[in-house]
Amino acid sequence: MLAGLQGAILLIAAKRQGAIASAMAQHDYETDVRAAAQIEMLMNMNAEQLKLLQELRDMRDRP
């Protein structure tokens, strides 16, 4: 009887661990998606700044 009870408790614990791991994986994925979007935004801002800097240099170097 004890073994049956322990088996049931172990199954419940395993299910809970699986649910926790699944939730953590989903959170990691969502974090990665947000980070990728932020990196893309920063890369676009950086490209725009480089473009503006080049325009300023061109204006400075014109006779």
PDB file of N, CA and C in Angstrom:
ATOM      1  N   MET A   1       0.821  -1.191   0.000  1.00  0.00           N
ATOM      2  CA  MET A   1       0.000   0.000   0.000  1.00  0.00           C
ATOM      3  C   MET A   1       0.868   1.259   0.000  1.00  0.00           C
ATOM      4  N   LEU A   2       1.926   1.232   0.784  1.00  0.00           N
ATOM      5  CA  LEU A   2       2.823   2.380   0.850  1.00  0.00           C
ATOM      6  C   LEU A   2       3.456   2.643  -0.510  1.00  0.00           C
ATOM      7  N   ALA A   3       3.851   1.584  -1.192  1.00  0.00           N
ATOM      8  CA  ALA A   3       4.464   1.745  -2.511  1.00  0.00           C
ATOM      9  C   ALA A   3       3.471   2.367  -3.496  1.00  0.00           C
ATOM     10  N   GLY A   4       2.225   1.986  -3.424  1.00  0.00           N
ATOM     11  CA  GLY A   4       1.200   2.565  -4.289  1.00  0.00           C
ATOM     12  C   GLY A   4       1.010   4.049  -4.028  1.00  0.00           C
ATOM     13  N   LEU A   5       1.018   4.426  -2.769  1.00  0.00           N
ATOM     14  CA  LEU A   5       0.871   5.828  -2.395  1.00  0.00           C
ATOM     15  C   LEU A   5       2.092   6.633  -2.834  1.00  0.00           C
ATOM     16  N   GLN A   6       3.264   6.065  -2.626  1.00  0.00           N
ATOM     17  CA  GLN A   6       4.488   6.749  -3.045  1.00  0.00           C
ATOM     18  C   GLN A   6       4.521   6.921  -4.564  1.00  0.00           C
ATOM     19  N   GLY A   7       4.071   5.905  -5.278  1.00  0.00           N
ATOM     20  CA  GLY A   7       4.041   5.981  -6.737  1.00  0.00           C
ATOM     21  C   GLY A   7       3.137   7.099  -7.215  1.00  0.00           C
ATOM     22  N   ALA A   8       1.982   7.232  -6.589  1.00  0.00           N
ATOM     23  CA  ALA A   8       1.049   8.294  -6.958  1.00  0.00           C
ATOM     24  C   ALA A   8       1.643   9.668  -6.664  1.00  0.00           C
ATOM     25  N   ILE A   9       2.291   9.793  -5.541  1.00  0.00           N
ATOM     26  CA  ILE A   9       2.918  11.071  -5.178  1.00  0.00           C
ATOM     27  C   ILE A   9       4.036  11.403  -6.159  1.00  0.00           C
ATOM     28  N   LEU A  10       4.816  10.413  -6.549  1.00  0.00           N
ATOM     29  CA  LEU A  10       5.897  10.644  -7.516  1.00  0.00           C
ATOM     30  C   LEU A  10       5.344  11.064  -8.872  1.00  0.00           C
ATOM     31  N   LEU A  11       4.234  10.480  -9.286  1.00  0.00           N
ATOM     32  CA  LEU A  11       3.620  10.878 -10.557  1.00  0.00           C
ATOM     33  C   LEU A  11       3.118  12.320 -10.506  1.00  0.00           C
ATOM     34  N   ILE A  12       2.509  12.694  -9.398  1.00  0.00           N
ATOM     35  CA  ILE A  12       2.023  14.069  -9.232  1.00  0.00           C
ATOM     36  C   ILE A  12       3.201  15.036  -9.278  1.00  0.00           C
ATOM     37  N   ALA A  13       4.278  14.682  -8.583  1.00  0.00           N
ATOM     38  CA  ALA A  13       5.460  15.548  -8.563  1.00  0.00           C
ATOM     39  C   ALA A  13       6.073  15.664  -9.959  1.00  0.00           C
ATOM     40  N   ALA A  14       6.110  14.571 -10.691  1.00  0.00           N
ATOM     41  CA  ALA A  14       6.668  14.597 -12.040  1.00  0.00           C
ATOM     42  C   ALA A  14       5.828  15.477 -12.958  1.00  0.00           C
ATOM     43  N   LYS A  15       4.506  15.401 -12.829  1.00  0.00           N
ATOM     44  CA  LYS A  15       3.620  16.257 -13.629  1.00  0.00           C
ATOM     45  C   LYS A  15       3.848  17.726 -13.292  1.00  0.00           C
ATOM     46  N   ARG A  16       3.991  18.023 -12.023  1.00  0.00           N
ATOM     47  CA  ARG A  16       4.210  19.402 -11.592  1.00  0.00           C
ATOM     48  C   ARG A  16       5.539  19.915 -12.148  1.00  0.00           C
ATOM     49  N   GLN A  17       6.571  19.100 -12.084  1.00  0.00           N
ATOM     50  CA  GLN A  17       7.875  19.502 -12.627  1.00  0.00           C
ATOM     51  C   GLN A  17       7.779  19.754 -14.125  1.00  0.00           C
ATOM     52  N   GLY A  18       7.024  18.922 -14.810  1.00  0.00           N
ATOM     53  CA  GLY A  18       6.837  19.100 -16.251  1.00  0.00           C
ATOM     54  C   GLY A  18       6.130  20.409 -16.557  1.00  0.00           C
ATOM     55  N   ALA A  19       5.128  20.738 -15.764  1.00  0.00           N
ATOM     56  CA  ALA A  19       4.395  21.989 -15.961  1.00  0.00           C
ATOM     57  C   ALA A  19       5.290  23.189 -15.680  1.00  0.00           C
ATOM     58  N   ILE A  20       6.101  23.088 -14.642  1.00  0.00           N
ATOM     59  CA  ILE A  20       7.025  24.176 -14.307  1.00  0.00           C
ATOM     60  C   ILE A  20       8.048  24.357 -15.422  1.00  0.00           C
ATOM     61  N   ALA A  21       8.602  23.258 -15.915  1.00  0.00           N
ATOM     62  CA  ALA A  21       9.589  23.335 -16.998  1.00  0.00           C
ATOM     63  C   ALA A  21       8.971  23.924 -18.256  1.00  0.00           C
ATOM     64  N   SER A  22       7.744  23.564 -18.548  1.00  0.00           N
ATOM     65  CA  SER A  22       7.051  24.100 -19.718  1.00  0.00           C
ATOM     66  C   SER A  22       6.817  25.601 -19.575  1.00  0.00           C
ATOM     67  N   ALA A  23       6.400  26.029 -18.406  1.00  0.00           N
ATOM     68  CA  ALA A  23       6.168  27.458 -18.168  1.00  0.00           C
ATOM     69  C   ALA A  23       7.471  28.245 -18.268  1.00  0.00           C
ATOM     70  N   MET A  24       8.548  27.685 -17.745  1.00  0.00           N
ATOM     71  CA  MET A  24       9.842  28.361 -17.820  1.00  0.00           C
ATOM     72  C   MET A  24      10.332  28.449 -19.267  1.00  0.00           C
ATOM     73  N   ALA A  25      10.123  27.405 -20.032  1.00  0.00           N
ATOM     74  CA  ALA A  25      10.522  27.415 -21.439  1.00  0.00           C
ATOM     75  C   ALA A  25       9.727  28.464 -22.208  1.00  0.00           C
ATOM     76  N   GLN A  26       8.437  28.581 -21.927  1.00  0.00           N
ATOM     77  CA  GLN A  26       7.602  29.590 -22.580  1.00  0.00           C
ATOM     78  C   GLN A  26       8.081  30.990 -22.211  1.00  0.00           C
ATOM     79  N   HIS A  27       8.398  31.199 -20.954  1.00  0.00           N
ATOM     80  CA  HIS A  27       8.896  32.503 -20.502  1.00  0.00           C
ATOM     81  C   HIS A  27      10.221  32.828 -21.193  1.00  0.00           C
ATOM     82  N   ASP A  28      11.120  31.859 -21.284  1.00  0.00           N
ATOM     83  CA  ASP A  28      12.398  32.071 -21.963  1.00  0.00           C
ATOM     84  C   ASP A  28      12.186  32.442 -23.424  1.00  0.00           C
ATOM     85  N   TYR A  29      11.261  31.776 -24.080  1.00  0.00           N
ATOM     86  CA  TYR A  29      10.971  32.068 -25.485  1.00  0.00           C
ATOM     87  C   TYR A  29      10.445  33.498 -25.635  1.00  0.00           C
ATOM     88  N   GLU A  30       9.501  33.882 -24.777  1.00  0.00           N
ATOM     89  CA  GLU A  30       8.933  35.225 -24.857  1.00  0.00           C
ATOM     90  C   GLU A  30       9.993  36.284 -24.582  1.00  0.00           C
ATOM     91  N   THR A  31      10.885  36.007 -23.638  1.00  0.00           N
ATOM     92  CA  THR A  31      11.974  36.928 -23.341  1.00  0.00           C
ATOM     93  C   THR A  31      12.900  37.063 -24.548  1.00  0.00           C
ATOM     94  N   ASP A  32      13.208  35.950 -25.192  1.00  0.00           N
ATOM     95  CA  ASP A  32      14.067  35.983 -26.375  1.00  0.00           C
ATOM     96  C   ASP A  32      13.428  36.770 -27.514  1.00  0.00           C
ATOM     97  N   VAL A  33      12.131  36.612 -27.702  1.00  0.00           N
ATOM     98  CA  VAL A  33      11.429  37.345 -28.762  1.00  0.00           C
ATOM     99  C   VAL A  33      11.473  38.844 -28.481  1.00  0.00           C
ATOM    100  N   ARG A  34      11.217  39.234 -27.224  1.00  0.00           N
ATOM    101  CA  ARG A  34      11.272  40.662 -26.871  1.00  0.00           C
ATOM    102  C   ARG A  34      12.682  41.207 -27.037  1.00  0.00           C
ATOM    103  N   ALA A  35      13.677  40.439 -26.618  1.00  0.00           N
ATOM    104  CA  ALA A  35      15.066  40.887 -26.751  1.00  0.00           C
ATOM    105  C   ALA A  35      15.445  41.053 -28.218  1.00  0.00           C
ATOM    106  N   ALA A  36      15.014  40.136 -29.060  1.00  0.00           N
ATOM    107  CA  ALA A  36      15.318  40.243 -30.490  1.00  0.00           C
ATOM    108  C   ALA A  36      14.688  41.496 -31.085  1.00  0.00           C
ATOM    109  N   ALA A  37      13.477  41.813 -30.688  1.00  0.00           N
ATOM    110  CA  ALA A  37      12.806  43.022 -31.184  1.00  0.00           C
ATOM    111  C   ALA A  37      13.544  44.273 -30.710  1.00  0.00           C
ATOM    112  N   GLN A  38      13.981  44.275 -29.470  1.00  0.00           N
ATOM    113  CA  GLN A  38      14.713  45.427 -28.954  1.00  0.00           C
ATOM    114  C   GLN A  38      16.059  45.575 -29.641  1.00  0.00           C
ATOM    115  N   ILE A  39      16.729  44.473 -29.896  1.00  0.00           N
ATOM    116  CA  ILE A  39      18.010  44.526 -30.600  1.00  0.00           C
ATOM    117  C   ILE A  39      17.817  45.067 -32.007  1.00  0.00           C
ATOM    118  N   GLU A  40      16.775  44.625 -32.673  1.00  0.00           N
ATOM    119  CA  GLU A  40      16.480  45.117 -34.022  1.00  0.00           C
ATOM    120  C   GLU A  40      16.230  46.620 -34.001  1.00  0.00           C
ATOM    121  N   MET A  41      15.466  47.089 -33.016  1.00  0.00           N
ATOM    122  CA  MET A  41      15.191  48.515 -32.891  1.00  0.00           C
ATOM    123  C   MET A  41      16.492  49.296 -32.678  1.00  0.00           C
ATOM    124  N   LEU A  42      17.355  48.789 -31.792  1.00  0.00           N
ATOM    125  CA  LEU A  42      18.626  49.461 -31.526  1.00  0.00           C
ATOM    126  C   LEU A  42      19.540  49.454 -32.746  1.00  0.00           C
ATOM    127  N   MET A  43      19.523  48.371 -33.493  1.00  0.00           N
ATOM    128  CA  MET A  43      20.325  48.314 -34.719  1.00  0.00           C
ATOM    129  C   MET A  43      19.835  49.346 -35.728  1.00  0.00           C
ATOM    130  N   ASN A  44      18.521  49.515 -35.843  1.00  0.00           N
ATOM    131  CA  ASN A  44      17.967  50.519 -36.750  1.00  0.00           C
ATOM    132  C   ASN A  44      18.331  51.927 -36.305  1.00  0.00           C
ATOM    133  N   MET A  45      18.271  52.165 -35.000  1.00  0.00           N
ATOM    134  CA  MET A  45      18.658  53.474 -34.477  1.00  0.00           C
ATOM    135  C   MET A  45      20.131  53.743 -34.753  1.00  0.00           C
ATOM    136  N   ASN A  46      20.957  52.745 -34.565  1.00  0.00           N
ATOM    137  CA  ASN A  46      22.385  52.878 -34.804  1.00  0.00           C
ATOM    138  C   ASN A  46      22.652  53.171 -36.276  1.00  0.00           C
ATOM    139  N   ALA A  47      21.971  52.488 -37.158  1.00  0.00           N
ATOM    140  CA  ALA A  47      22.145  52.719 -38.595  1.00  0.00           C
ATOM    141  C   ALA A  47      21.739  54.144 -38.953  1.00  0.00           C
ATOM    142  N   GLU A  48      20.655  54.630 -38.371  1.00  0.00           N
ATOM    143  CA  GLU A  48      20.208  56.003 -38.629  1.00  0.00           C
ATOM    144  C   GLU A  48      21.226  57.020 -38.123  1.00  0.00           C
ATOM    145  N   GLN A  49      21.777  56.767 -36.943  1.00  0.00           N
ATOM    146  CA  GLN A  49      22.793  57.661 -36.398  1.00  0.00           C
ATOM    147  C   GLN A  49      24.044  57.683 -37.275  1.00  0.00           C
ATOM    148  N   LEU A  50      24.447  56.526 -37.759  1.00  0.00           N
ATOM    149  CA  LEU A  50      25.608  56.469 -38.645  1.00  0.00           C
ATOM    150  C   LEU A  50      25.353  57.239 -39.937  1.00  0.00           C
ATOM    151  N   LYS A  51      24.136  57.123 -40.442  1.00  0.00           N
ATOM    152  CA  LYS A  51      23.765  57.853 -41.652  1.00  0.00           C
ATOM    153  C   LYS A  51      23.833  59.360 -41.412  1.00  0.00           C
ATOM    154  N   LEU A  52      23.287  59.814 -40.283  1.00  0.00           N
ATOM    155  CA  LEU A  52      23.328  61.233 -39.950  1.00  0.00           C
ATOM    156  C   LEU A  52      24.756  61.727 -39.754  1.00  0.00           C
ATOM    157  N   LEU A  53      25.576  60.930 -39.113  1.00  0.00           N
ATOM    158  CA  LEU A  53      26.981  61.304 -38.935  1.00  0.00           C
ATOM    159  C   LEU A  53      27.688  61.444 -40.281  1.00  0.00           C
ATOM    160  N   GLN A  54      27.418  60.531 -41.172  1.00  0.00           N
ATOM    161  CA  GLN A  54      28.039  60.610 -42.493  1.00  0.00           C
ATOM    162  C   GLN A  54      27.576  61.863 -43.235  1.00  0.00           C
ATOM    163  N   GLU A  55      26.296  62.191 -43.115  1.00  0.00           N
ATOM    164  CA  GLU A  55      25.790  63.409 -43.746  1.00  0.00           C
ATOM    165  C   GLU A  55      26.468  64.651 -43.165  1.00  0.00           C
ATOM    166  N   LEU A  56      26.660  64.677 -41.843  1.00  0.00           N
ATOM    167  CA  LEU A  56      27.343  65.806 -41.213  1.00  0.00           C
ATOM    168  C   LEU A  56      28.792  65.907 -41.683  1.00  0.00           C
ATOM    169  N   ARG A  57      29.463  64.781 -41.794  1.00  0.00           N
ATOM    170  CA  ARG A  57      30.845  64.792 -42.287  1.00  0.00           C
ATOM    171  C   ARG A  57      30.903  65.309 -43.720  1.00  0.00           C
ATOM    172  N   ASP A  58      29.943  64.864 -44.532  1.00  0.00           N
ATOM    173  CA  ASP A  58      29.899  65.325 -45.913  1.00  0.00           C
ATOM    174  C   ASP A  58      29.685  66.833 -45.972  1.00  0.00           C
ATOM    175  N   MET A  59      28.793  67.336 -45.118  1.00  0.00           N
ATOM    176  CA  MET A  59      28.530  68.769 -45.092  1.00  0.00           C
ATOM    177  C   MET A  59      29.772  69.534 -44.638  1.00  0.00           C
ATOM    178  N   ARG A  60      30.477  69.006 -43.670  1.00  0.00           N
ATOM    179  CA  ARG A  60      31.685  69.651 -43.156  1.00  0.00           C
ATOM    180  C   ARG A  60      32.776  69.692 -44.212  1.00  0.00           C
ATOM    181  N   ASP A  61      32.904  68.650 -45.003  1.00  0.00           N
ATOM    182  CA  ASP A  61      33.990  68.523 -45.968  1.00  0.00           C
ATOM    183  C   ASP A  61      33.712  69.229 -47.283  1.00  0.00           C
ATOM    184  N   ARG A  62      32.483  69.681 -47.503  1.00  0.00           N
ATOM    185  CA  ARG A  62      32.178  70.412 -48.749  1.00  0.00           C
ATOM    186  C   ARG A  62      32.870  71.766 -48.745  1.00  0.00           C
ATOM    187  N   PRO A  63      33.401  72.168 -49.920  1.00  0.00           N
ATOM    188  CA  PRO A  63      34.055  73.502 -49.999  1.00  0.00           C
ATOM    189  C   PRO A  63      33.065  74.640 -49.939  1.00  0.00           C
TER     190      PRO A  63
END
